[in-house]
C-alpha cells in the first residue's frame, strides 16, 4: 500500500511541477495568463494515450528522454548558479539557515523523495534483457543520480543561501538559463509520469482482472487512475508540501523502515532454522 501511495504521490508532484513550469513559460514568452488548474487537466489529457502503453518495454524512450533532459538541465543550473555567485554569494553569507528541528524532517522527506524510484524497479527488471544485471544497473543509476544532485545542492546553498525556495530555477538571475532549465525539467517530469504511473496501472489491472491485451477495460481502469491523480493535483495545487509529505511518510517507510523490519524477520527465521538443525 505504501509503495502505491508513494508512486501516486510522485505522479501528482510531477503533474503539478510540469503544469506550474508551463504556466511560467507561457507568461514569460507569450505574456499569457493561463489557468493553472486548466493546464493540469490539459496536460493529463495529452499524457493519457501514453499511459495506455503496457509496460516499460513499450516506452523505453521515455526513460532515455527523461534522463537526457535532466542531465542538460543540471548542467545549465550549475552554470547559471556559478554566474550568479559573484553577486548572490556575498548576500547569502549573512543569511544563516533556519535550524528548527521540524525542518530536518522536511529535509529528510525531500531527500528520500529524490531517490524514490525503487518501487518501480521490479517492473523495469521484469523487462530487462539480462535481469541478473539488475543490482549492477541499480548501483550505477544511484551513483549517476548522486552526481546530478550534489552539485546543484551544494552550489545552490553556497550561492543563494536561505533565499532558496521549492525550485532553484526561480533564484537563477539569467533569464534564458532559468527558462531553458525549467523547460527541460518540465520534459523530465512529463516523461517520468509515464514511467511512474505504469506500476500503479498494472496493479489496478491485476486487481480487476483486466486482460493483458489492449482493450476498453484497460482504457477505463487507467483512465480512472489518471483521473484520481488529476483530482488530487487540483485539490492541492502546491507541490512543495506534498513532496515533503510523500517523502516523509510513504517514502521513509518503504526505503528505511520496512526493509529493516523485513531483514530482522528474515534474520530471525534464519537463526531459528539453525537452532532447530542443531
Protein backbone atom coordinates (compact mmCIF):
# COMPACT_ATOMS: atom_id res chain seq x y z
CA UNK A 1 0.00 0.00 0.00
CA UNK A 2 2.82 2.42 0.91
CA UNK A 3 4.55 1.77 -2.41
CA UNK A 4 1.40 2.51 -4.38
CA UNK A 5 0.70 5.67 -2.34
CA UNK A 6 4.29 6.71 -2.90
CA UNK A 7 4.06 6.19 -6.68
CA UNK A 8 0.74 8.02 -6.72
CA UNK A 9 2.23 10.97 -4.82
CA UNK A 10 5.15 11.17 -7.26
CA UNK A 11 2.70 11.35 -10.18
CA UNK A 12 0.81 14.19 -8.51
CA UNK A 13 4.00 16.13 -7.74
CA UNK A 14 5.32 15.76 -11.29
CA UNK A 15 1.97 16.80 -12.77
CA UNK A 16 1.90 19.91 -10.57
CA UNK A 17 5.54 20.75 -11.34
CA UNK A 18 5.03 20.36 -15.10
CA UNK A 19 1.87 22.47 -15.12
CA UNK A 20 3.47 25.21 -13.00
CA UNK A 21 6.53 25.41 -15.28
CA UNK A 22 4.36 25.52 -18.42
CA UNK A 23 2.32 28.34 -16.86
CA UNK A 24 5.51 30.33 -16.15
CA UNK A 25 6.78 29.59 -19.66
CA UNK A 26 3.58 30.91 -21.29
CA UNK A 27 3.68 34.03 -19.11
CA UNK A 28 7.37 34.77 -19.80
CA UNK A 29 7.42 34.25 -23.57
CA UNK A 30 3.85 34.93 -24.70
CA UNK A 31 2.51 37.11 -21.85
CA UNK A 32 -0.43 34.71 -21.46
CA UNK A 33 -2.03 34.19 -18.03
CA UNK A 34 -3.28 30.63 -18.47
CA UNK A 35 -5.30 28.96 -15.72
CA UNK A 36 -3.11 26.63 -13.67
CA UNK A 37 -5.98 24.23 -12.94
CA UNK A 38 -6.90 24.08 -16.64
CA UNK A 39 -3.27 23.36 -17.55
CA UNK A 40 -3.27 20.36 -15.20
CA UNK A 41 -6.33 18.97 -16.98
CA UNK A 42 -4.96 19.60 -20.50
CA UNK A 43 -1.58 18.05 -19.67
CA UNK A 44 -3.27 14.97 -18.18
CA UNK A 45 -5.39 14.54 -21.33
CA UNK A 46 -2.29 14.79 -23.54
CA UNK A 47 -0.48 12.22 -21.38
CA UNK A 48 -3.36 9.76 -21.24
CA UNK A 49 -2.63 7.96 -24.57
CA UNK A 50 0.98 7.32 -23.44
CA UNK A 51 -0.16 5.90 -20.08
CA UNK A 52 -2.06 3.21 -22.02
CA UNK A 53 1.22 1.59 -23.12
CA UNK A 54 1.51 -1.82 -21.48
CA UNK A 55 4.94 -1.82 -19.77
CA UNK A 56 8.38 -0.06 -19.72
CA UNK A 57 9.38 -2.26 -22.65
CA UNK A 58 6.95 -0.21 -24.77
CA UNK A 59 8.12 3.23 -23.62
CA UNK A 60 11.88 2.84 -23.05
CA UNK A 61 12.28 6.08 -24.97
CA UNK A 62 10.58 7.96 -22.09
CA UNK A 63 13.35 6.90 -19.70
CA UNK A 64 16.06 7.97 -22.17
CA UNK A 65 14.45 11.36 -22.80
CA UNK A 66 13.82 11.89 -19.07
CA UNK A 67 17.47 11.20 -18.22
CA UNK A 68 18.72 13.34 -21.12
CA UNK A 69 16.62 16.40 -20.27
CA UNK A 70 17.60 16.15 -16.59
CA UNK A 71 21.32 15.98 -17.35
CA UNK A 72 21.23 19.03 -19.63
CA UNK A 73 19.09 20.93 -17.09
CA UNK A 74 21.56 20.19 -14.27
CA UNK A 75 24.47 21.48 -16.38
CA UNK A 76 22.56 24.70 -17.14
CA UNK A 77 21.53 25.17 -13.49
CA UNK A 78 25.13 24.76 -12.29
CA UNK A 79 26.35 27.17 -14.98
CA UNK A 80 23.68 29.76 -14.10
CA UNK A 81 24.39 29.42 -10.37
CA UNK A 82 28.13 29.96 -10.91
CA UNK A 83 27.33 33.08 -12.97
CA UNK A 84 25.33 34.46 -10.01
CA UNK A 85 27.96 33.61 -7.39
CA UNK A 86 29.85 36.91 -7.68
CA UNK A 87 26.77 38.86 -6.56
CA UNK A 88 24.41 36.48 -4.73
CA UNK A 89 27.02 34.63 -2.64
CA UNK A 90 28.03 37.87 -0.86
CA UNK A 91 24.43 38.43 0.26
CA UNK A 92 23.70 34.81 1.20
CA UNK A 93 26.68 34.65 3.59
CA UNK A 94 24.79 36.76 6.13
CA UNK A 95 21.68 34.53 5.97
CA UNK A 96 22.12 31.55 8.34
CA UNK A 97 19.75 28.61 7.80
CA UNK A 98 16.65 28.19 9.95
CA UNK A 99 17.68 25.41 12.34
CA UNK A 100 14.21 24.36 13.50
CA UNK A 101 14.05 20.70 14.48
CA UNK A 102 11.00 20.16 12.24
CA UNK A 103 12.98 21.34 9.20
CA UNK A 104 15.25 18.30 9.46
CA UNK A 105 12.25 16.01 8.99
CA UNK A 106 11.09 18.05 5.98
CA UNK A 107 14.61 17.90 4.52
CA UNK A 108 14.70 14.12 5.06
CA UNK A 109 11.38 13.80 3.23
CA UNK A 110 12.67 15.83 0.28
CA UNK A 111 15.93 13.88 0.21
CA UNK A 112 14.20 10.48 0.23
CA UNK A 113 11.73 11.64 -2.41
CA UNK A 114 14.65 12.47 -4.70
CA UNK A 115 15.91 8.88 -4.53
CA UNK A 116 12.46 7.31 -4.55
CA UNK A 117 12.34 5.40 -7.80
CA UNK A 118 12.81 1.97 -6.23
CA UNK A 119 9.09 0.94 -6.17
CA UNK A 120 9.13 0.87 -9.97
CA UNK A 121 12.35 -1.16 -10.21
CA UNK A 122 10.71 -4.63 -10.22
CA UNK A 123 8.64 -3.63 -13.26
CA UNK A 124 11.79 -2.46 -15.04
CA UNK A 125 13.74 -5.57 -14.03
CA UNK A 126 10.99 -7.77 -15.47
CA UNK A 127 11.52 -6.17 -18.90
CA UNK A 128 15.34 -6.20 -18.83
CA UNK A 129 17.21 -8.36 -21.34
CA UNK A 130 19.51 -9.50 -18.52
CA UNK A 131 17.54 -9.36 -15.22
CA UNK A 132 20.56 -10.77 -13.35
CA UNK A 133 22.39 -7.49 -14.00
CA UNK A 134 19.74 -5.57 -12.02
CA UNK A 135 21.97 -4.97 -8.96
CA UNK A 136 24.77 -3.55 -11.10
CA UNK A 137 22.31 -1.34 -13.02
CA UNK A 138 20.77 -0.04 -9.76
CA UNK A 139 24.15 0.88 -8.25
CA UNK A 140 25.19 2.73 -11.41
CA UNK A 141 21.82 4.52 -11.56
CA UNK A 142 22.04 5.77 -7.96
CA UNK A 143 25.65 6.89 -8.46
CA UNK A 144 24.62 8.91 -11.52
CA UNK A 145 21.73 10.42 -9.54
CA UNK A 146 24.13 11.50 -6.79
CA UNK A 147 26.45 13.06 -9.37
CA UNK A 148 23.50 15.09 -10.70
CA UNK A 149 22.03 16.11 -7.34
CA UNK A 150 25.14 17.02 -5.33
CA UNK A 151 26.46 19.91 -7.49
CA UNK A 152 23.03 21.57 -7.59
CA UNK A 153 22.52 21.21 -3.82
CA UNK A 154 25.99 22.42 -2.84
CA UNK A 155 26.19 25.31 -5.31
CA UNK A 156 22.60 26.35 -4.56
CA UNK A 157 23.28 26.59 -0.83
CA UNK A 158 26.63 28.39 -1.23
CA UNK A 159 25.35 30.95 -3.74
CA UNK A 160 21.71 31.55 -2.74
CA UNK A 161 21.72 30.50 0.91
CA UNK A 162 18.46 30.71 2.82
CA UNK A 163 16.68 32.53 -0.04
CA UNK A 164 16.13 29.22 -1.86
CA UNK A 165 12.53 28.04 -2.13
CA UNK A 166 10.93 24.93 -3.69
CA UNK A 167 12.67 25.42 -7.03
CA UNK A 168 16.23 26.67 -7.56
CA UNK A 169 15.22 27.89 -11.03
CA UNK A 170 13.44 30.91 -9.56
CA UNK A 171 16.72 32.03 -7.93
CA UNK A 172 18.78 31.98 -11.15
CA UNK A 173 19.17 35.55 -12.41
CA UNK A 174 19.93 34.78 -16.07
CA UNK A 175 16.50 34.63 -17.74
CA UNK A 176 17.30 32.38 -20.69
CA UNK A 177 19.08 29.83 -18.46
CA UNK A 178 16.19 29.92 -16.00
CA UNK A 179 13.52 29.27 -18.64
CA UNK A 180 15.55 26.72 -20.61
CA UNK A 181 16.27 24.72 -17.46
CA UNK A 182 12.60 24.94 -16.44
CA UNK A 183 11.57 23.71 -19.89
CA UNK A 184 13.95 20.74 -19.64
CA UNK A 185 12.83 19.86 -16.09
CA UNK A 186 9.24 20.02 -17.34
CA UNK A 187 10.16 17.48 -20.01
CA UNK A 188 11.75 15.26 -17.37
CA UNK A 189 8.64 15.44 -15.17
CA UNK A 190 6.28 14.68 -18.07
CA UNK A 191 8.25 11.65 -19.22
CA UNK A 192 8.60 10.47 -15.61
CA UNK A 193 4.82 10.48 -15.14
CA UNK A 194 4.53 7.92 -17.95
CA UNK A 195 7.10 5.71 -16.18
CA UNK A 196 5.93 6.11 -12.57
CA UNK A 197 2.19 5.66 -13.19
CA UNK A 198 2.72 2.35 -15.02
CA UNK A 199 3.20 0.12 -11.91
CA UNK A 200 0.01 1.61 -10.40
CA UNK A 201 -1.89 0.87 -13.61
CA UNK A 202 -0.60 -2.70 -13.77
CA UNK A 203 -1.57 -3.46 -10.16
CA UNK A 204 -5.02 -1.92 -10.70
CA UNK A 205 -5.48 -4.07 -13.81
CA UNK A 206 -4.44 -7.18 -11.89
CA UNK A 207 -6.86 -6.31 -9.10
CA UNK A 208 -9.79 -6.02 -11.51
CA UNK A 209 -8.72 -8.94 -13.75
CA UNK A 210 -8.18 -6.76 -16.83
CA UNK A 211 -6.96 -8.78 -19.87
CA UNK A 212 -3.30 -8.39 -20.92
CA UNK A 213 -4.34 -7.42 -24.44
CA UNK A 214 -5.21 -3.80 -25.21
CA UNK A 215 -8.94 -3.16 -24.92
CA UNK A 216 -11.69 -0.98 -23.42
CA UNK A 217 -11.13 -2.31 -19.88
CA UNK A 218 -7.52 -1.07 -19.89
CA UNK A 219 -8.70 2.37 -21.07
CA UNK A 220 -11.32 2.54 -18.30
CA UNK A 221 -9.05 1.38 -15.44
CA UNK A 222 -6.08 3.53 -16.44
CA UNK A 223 -8.39 6.47 -17.09
CA UNK A 224 -9.72 6.22 -13.53
CA UNK A 225 -6.17 6.11 -12.11
CA UNK A 226 -5.16 9.24 -14.04
CA UNK A 227 -8.42 10.94 -13.04
CA UNK A 228 -7.59 10.37 -9.35
CA UNK A 229 -4.11 11.85 -9.91
CA UNK A 230 -5.68 14.94 -11.51
CA UNK A 231 -8.26 15.19 -8.70
CA UNK A 232 -5.56 15.31 -6.01
CA UNK A 233 -3.44 17.73 -8.08
CA UNK A 234 -6.40 20.10 -8.48
CA UNK A 235 -7.13 19.87 -4.74
CA UNK A 236 -3.52 20.52 -3.60
CA UNK A 237 -2.02 22.91 -6.19
CA UNK A 238 1.36 23.31 -4.40
CA UNK A 239 3.93 20.57 -4.92
CA UNK A 240 6.32 21.50 -2.07
CA UNK A 241 4.24 20.34 0.93
CA UNK A 242 3.01 17.28 -0.99
CA UNK A 243 6.61 16.34 -1.84
CA UNK A 244 7.61 16.59 1.84
CA UNK A 245 4.53 14.61 2.90
CA UNK A 246 5.15 11.82 0.40
CA UNK A 247 8.88 11.69 1.10
CA UNK A 248 8.46 11.84 4.87
CA UNK A 249 5.75 9.17 5.12
CA UNK A 250 5.46 6.52 2.40
CA UNK A 251 8.98 7.03 1.08
CA UNK A 252 10.54 6.77 4.53
CA UNK A 253 8.52 3.63 5.25
CA UNK A 254 9.46 1.82 2.04
CA UNK A 255 13.10 3.00 1.92
CA UNK A 256 14.14 2.84 5.60
CA UNK A 257 11.64 1.29 8.00
CA UNK A 258 10.14 -1.72 6.20
CA UNK A 259 13.43 -3.01 4.71
CA UNK A 260 14.93 -3.09 8.23
CA UNK A 261 11.87 -4.87 9.63
CA UNK A 262 11.91 -7.41 6.77
CA UNK A 263 15.62 -8.02 7.34
CA UNK A 264 15.04 -8.60 11.07
CA UNK A 265 12.28 -11.12 10.34
CA UNK A 266 14.40 -12.93 7.75
CA UNK A 267 17.40 -12.96 10.08
CA UNK A 268 15.25 -14.26 12.96
CA UNK A 269 13.86 -17.03 10.73
CA UNK A 270 17.38 -18.00 9.71
CA UNK A 271 18.52 -18.14 13.34
CA UNK A 272 15.51 -20.28 14.31
CA UNK A 273 16.26 -22.66 11.43
CA UNK A 274 19.88 -23.01 12.59
CA UNK A 275 18.77 -23.69 16.18
CA UNK A 276 16.39 -26.41 15.01
CA UNK A 277 19.13 -28.08 12.98
CA UNK A 278 21.46 -28.04 15.96
